[in-house]
N, C-alpha and C. Protein backbone atom coordinates (compact mmCIF):
# COMPACT_ATOMS: atom_id res chain seq x y z
N MET A 1 12.61 -9.22 -2.69
CA MET A 1 11.51 -9.28 -2.54
C MET A 1 11.11 -8.96 -4.06
N SER A 2 10.45 -10.10 -4.46
CA SER A 2 9.51 -9.33 -5.95
C SER A 2 8.41 -8.63 -5.79
N VAL A 3 8.04 -8.21 -7.12
CA VAL A 3 6.96 -6.96 -7.06
C VAL A 3 5.72 -8.19 -6.52
N GLU A 4 5.37 -9.37 -7.44
CA GLU A 4 4.39 -10.06 -6.77
C GLU A 4 4.45 -10.44 -5.48
N GLU A 5 5.58 -10.62 -4.60
CA GLU A 5 5.13 -10.83 -3.18
C GLU A 5 5.20 -9.59 -2.56
N ILE A 6 5.35 -8.06 -2.66
CA ILE A 6 4.76 -7.09 -2.58
C ILE A 6 3.55 -6.97 -2.70
N PHE A 7 3.22 -7.55 -4.02
CA PHE A 7 1.73 -6.92 -3.95
C PHE A 7 0.87 -7.99 -3.13
N GLN A 8 1.27 -8.95 -2.93
CA GLN A 8 0.50 -9.90 -2.13
C GLN A 8 0.47 -9.53 -0.36
N THR A 9 1.82 -8.97 -0.28
CA THR A 9 1.42 -8.72 1.15
C THR A 9 0.50 -7.55 1.18
N MET A 10 0.76 -6.53 0.19
CA MET A 10 -0.04 -5.26 0.24
C MET A 10 -1.44 -5.35 0.15
N SER A 11 -1.83 -6.61 -0.65
CA SER A 11 -3.23 -6.84 -0.89
C SER A 11 -3.86 -7.35 0.95
N GLU A 12 -3.06 -8.02 1.71
CA GLU A 12 -3.13 -8.56 2.86
C GLU A 12 -3.09 -7.18 3.68
N LEU A 13 -2.76 -6.46 3.56
CA LEU A 13 -2.35 -5.32 4.44
C LEU A 13 -4.21 -4.44 4.39
N VAL A 14 -3.90 -3.92 2.87
CA VAL A 14 -5.18 -3.25 2.33
C VAL A 14 -6.56 -3.98 2.70
N ALA A 15 -6.64 -5.27 2.43
CA ALA A 15 -7.89 -6.38 2.99
C ALA A 15 -7.98 -5.80 4.60
N GLU A 16 -6.99 -6.19 5.16
CA GLU A 16 -6.71 -6.09 6.78
C GLU A 16 -7.54 -4.76 7.01
N GLN A 17 -7.06 -3.64 6.54
CA GLN A 17 -7.25 -2.03 6.91
C GLN A 17 -9.02 -1.89 6.30
N PHE A 18 -8.99 -2.31 5.64
CA PHE A 18 -10.50 -2.12 4.87
C PHE A 18 -11.38 -3.01 4.74
N ALA A 19 -11.43 -4.20 5.71
CA ALA A 19 -12.22 -4.85 6.08
C ALA A 19 -12.99 -6.03 5.00
N MET A 20 -11.94 -6.40 3.94
CA MET A 20 -12.33 -7.07 2.78
C MET A 20 -11.48 -8.09 2.52
N GLU A 21 -11.46 -9.01 1.23
CA GLU A 21 -10.93 -10.09 1.05
C GLU A 21 -9.53 -9.56 0.09
N PRO A 22 -8.58 -9.88 0.68
CA PRO A 22 -7.43 -9.73 -0.37
C PRO A 22 -7.67 -10.20 -2.06
N ALA A 23 -8.32 -11.11 -2.16
CA ALA A 23 -8.14 -11.18 -3.85
C ALA A 23 -9.08 -10.22 -4.21
N GLU A 24 -10.08 -9.62 -3.34
CA GLU A 24 -10.99 -8.43 -4.02
C GLU A 24 -9.83 -6.65 -4.25
N VAL A 25 -8.95 -7.09 -3.91
CA VAL A 25 -7.29 -6.17 -3.68
C VAL A 25 -6.69 -6.47 -5.30
N THR A 26 -6.50 -5.60 -6.04
CA THR A 26 -5.89 -5.40 -7.41
C THR A 26 -4.81 -4.46 -7.44
N MET A 27 -4.10 -4.49 -8.58
CA MET A 27 -3.11 -3.24 -8.62
C MET A 27 -3.92 -2.05 -8.97
N ASP A 28 -4.78 -2.19 -9.37
CA ASP A 28 -5.89 -0.64 -9.97
C ASP A 28 -6.95 -0.22 -8.72
N THR A 29 -6.79 -0.90 -7.96
CA THR A 29 -7.40 -0.75 -6.67
C THR A 29 -7.27 0.84 -6.19
N SER A 30 -7.84 1.97 -6.21
CA SER A 30 -7.85 3.19 -5.80
C SER A 30 -8.10 3.23 -4.46
N PHE A 31 -7.11 3.88 -3.60
CA PHE A 31 -7.39 3.93 -2.15
C PHE A 31 -8.68 4.60 -1.70
N GLU A 32 -8.64 6.18 -2.68
CA GLU A 32 -10.01 6.96 -2.42
C GLU A 32 -11.17 6.23 -2.94
N GLU A 33 -11.12 6.33 -4.49
CA GLU A 33 -12.21 5.94 -4.92
C GLU A 33 -12.71 4.92 -4.94
N ASP A 34 -11.85 3.48 -4.72
CA ASP A 34 -12.47 2.24 -4.70
C ASP A 34 -12.62 1.89 -3.16
N LEU A 35 -12.09 2.29 -2.26
CA LEU A 35 -11.88 2.10 -0.47
C LEU A 35 -12.29 3.16 0.08
N GLY A 36 -12.48 4.03 -0.23
CA GLY A 36 -12.95 5.45 0.23
C GLY A 36 -12.01 5.66 1.32
N ALA A 37 -10.99 5.90 1.34
CA ALA A 37 -10.11 6.17 2.35
C ALA A 37 -10.02 7.45 2.51
N ASP A 38 -9.65 7.58 3.90
CA ASP A 38 -9.59 9.25 4.27
C ASP A 38 -8.20 9.45 4.35
N SER A 39 -7.77 10.60 4.95
CA SER A 39 -6.27 10.76 5.31
C SER A 39 -5.57 10.10 6.53
N VAL A 40 -6.63 9.56 7.43
CA VAL A 40 -6.55 9.19 8.56
C VAL A 40 -6.29 7.20 8.42
N ASP A 41 -6.98 6.87 7.03
CA ASP A 41 -7.02 5.42 6.83
C ASP A 41 -5.49 5.56 6.09
N LEU A 42 -5.23 6.36 5.28
CA LEU A 42 -3.78 6.38 4.46
C LEU A 42 -2.81 6.44 5.68
N VAL A 43 -2.80 7.31 6.61
CA VAL A 43 -1.91 7.26 7.57
C VAL A 43 -1.54 5.89 8.36
N ASP A 44 -2.56 5.54 8.46
CA ASP A 44 -2.66 3.77 9.50
C ASP A 44 -1.63 3.19 8.21
N LEU A 45 -2.44 3.01 6.88
CA LEU A 45 -1.90 2.09 6.23
C LEU A 45 -0.02 2.29 5.84
N VAL A 46 0.01 3.56 5.63
CA VAL A 46 1.34 3.90 5.57
C VAL A 46 2.24 3.34 6.94
N MET A 47 2.19 3.75 7.81
CA MET A 47 2.38 3.11 8.98
C MET A 47 2.70 1.65 9.12
N ALA A 48 1.60 0.72 8.70
CA ALA A 48 1.57 -0.51 7.96
C ALA A 48 2.79 -1.39 7.23
N MET A 49 2.69 -0.19 6.21
CA MET A 49 3.79 -0.59 5.00
C MET A 49 5.11 -0.22 5.61
N GLU A 50 5.55 0.93 6.22
CA GLU A 50 6.62 1.04 6.70
C GLU A 50 7.41 -0.31 7.65
N GLU A 51 6.07 -0.38 8.24
CA GLU A 51 6.64 -1.61 9.65
C GLU A 51 7.10 -3.13 9.22
N GLU A 52 5.93 -3.22 8.07
CA GLU A 52 5.98 -4.24 6.91
C GLU A 52 7.34 -4.27 6.24
N PHE A 53 7.47 -3.26 5.58
CA PHE A 53 8.50 -3.56 4.24
C PHE A 53 9.72 -2.72 4.81
N GLU A 54 9.63 -2.57 6.01
CA GLU A 54 11.03 -1.85 6.95
C GLU A 54 11.94 -1.21 5.77
N VAL A 55 11.04 -0.15 5.75
CA VAL A 55 11.42 0.85 4.15
C VAL A 55 11.56 2.60 5.13
N GLY A 56 11.96 2.42 5.89
CA GLY A 56 11.59 3.98 6.92
C GLY A 56 10.24 4.49 6.78
N GLU A 57 10.44 6.18 6.98
CA GLU A 57 9.47 7.14 7.13
C GLU A 57 9.46 7.17 5.53
N ILE A 58 8.07 7.25 5.06
CA ILE A 58 7.68 7.21 3.83
C ILE A 58 7.42 9.03 3.77
N GLN A 59 7.92 9.72 3.01
CA GLN A 59 7.75 11.38 2.99
C GLN A 59 6.45 11.54 2.31
N GLU A 60 6.00 12.85 2.96
CA GLU A 60 4.96 13.41 2.26
C GLU A 60 4.48 13.69 0.57
N GLU A 61 5.70 14.16 0.61
CA GLU A 61 5.87 14.35 -1.23
C GLU A 61 5.39 12.93 -1.88
N ASP A 62 6.18 11.66 -0.97
CA ASP A 62 6.01 10.43 -2.02
C ASP A 62 4.13 10.15 -1.77
N LEU A 63 4.14 10.44 -0.54
CA LEU A 63 2.56 9.85 -0.30
C LEU A 63 1.70 10.46 -1.45
N LYS A 64 1.62 11.48 -1.56
CA LYS A 64 0.65 12.30 -2.61
C LYS A 64 0.74 11.62 -3.82
N THR A 65 1.98 10.89 -4.32
CA THR A 65 1.79 9.54 -5.44
C THR A 65 1.15 8.55 -5.29
N LEU A 66 0.83 7.88 -3.97
CA LEU A 66 0.25 6.87 -4.05
C LEU A 66 -1.61 6.77 -4.00
N LYS A 67 -1.40 6.53 -5.26
CA LYS A 67 -3.25 6.57 -5.61
C LYS A 67 -3.77 5.32 -5.48
N THR A 68 -3.13 4.64 -6.05
CA THR A 68 -3.39 3.08 -5.99
C THR A 68 -2.55 2.13 -5.28
N VAL A 69 -3.52 0.80 -5.41
CA VAL A 69 -2.30 -0.07 -4.98
C VAL A 69 -1.06 -0.73 -5.43
N GLY A 70 -1.16 -0.30 -6.84
CA GLY A 70 -0.16 -0.47 -7.86
C GLY A 70 0.76 0.57 -7.70
N ASP A 71 0.31 1.73 -7.31
CA ASP A 71 1.56 2.90 -6.99
C ASP A 71 2.31 2.23 -5.78
N ALA A 72 1.68 1.83 -4.52
CA ALA A 72 2.62 1.32 -3.24
C ALA A 72 3.01 0.60 -3.66
N VAL A 73 2.85 -0.50 -4.48
CA VAL A 73 3.72 -1.93 -4.80
C VAL A 73 4.78 -1.51 -5.44
N ASN A 74 4.61 -0.14 -6.28
CA ASN A 74 5.79 0.22 -7.38
C ASN A 74 6.70 0.91 -6.22
N TYR A 75 6.32 1.67 -5.49
CA TYR A 75 7.10 2.64 -4.60
C TYR A 75 7.77 1.59 -3.81
N ILE A 76 6.94 0.65 -2.91
CA ILE A 76 7.74 -0.05 -2.00
C ILE A 76 9.05 -1.29 -3.19
N ALA A 77 8.65 -1.36 -3.97
CA ALA A 77 9.49 -2.31 -4.91
C ALA A 77 10.68 -1.38 -5.08
N SER A 78 10.64 -0.09 -5.32
CA SER A 78 11.78 0.84 -5.48
C SER A 78 12.86 0.93 -4.40
N LYS A 79 12.34 0.91 -3.22
CA LYS A 79 12.85 0.84 -1.37
C LYS A 79 13.25 -0.02 -1.05
N VAL A 80 12.73 -1.30 -1.65
CA VAL A 80 13.00 -2.72 -0.83
C VAL A 80 14.45 -3.31 -1.72
N LYS A 81 14.84 -3.79 -1.11
CA LYS A 81 16.45 -4.31 -1.73
C LYS A 81 15.87 -6.08 -1.79
N SER A 82 16.29 -6.45 -3.15
CA SER A 82 15.70 -7.19 -3.45
C SER A 82 16.53 -8.79 -3.37
């Protein structure tokens, strides 16, 4: 799965969760600053990511590094076998 494919899927997940259009989501979109995500939103999104990409449970210390959509895409890309 390419980074572009992961981004497409991530943008759809983010758009669905935050009631916006996938086209509005960029790699630089910040979960907290741009989307106003709180911890509950992030847990829901992470659960959707785990299920969608079949990466297993994302560890809490890894979660703290995921500040933008791009961070999440790169994290998933490092976990998904191409």
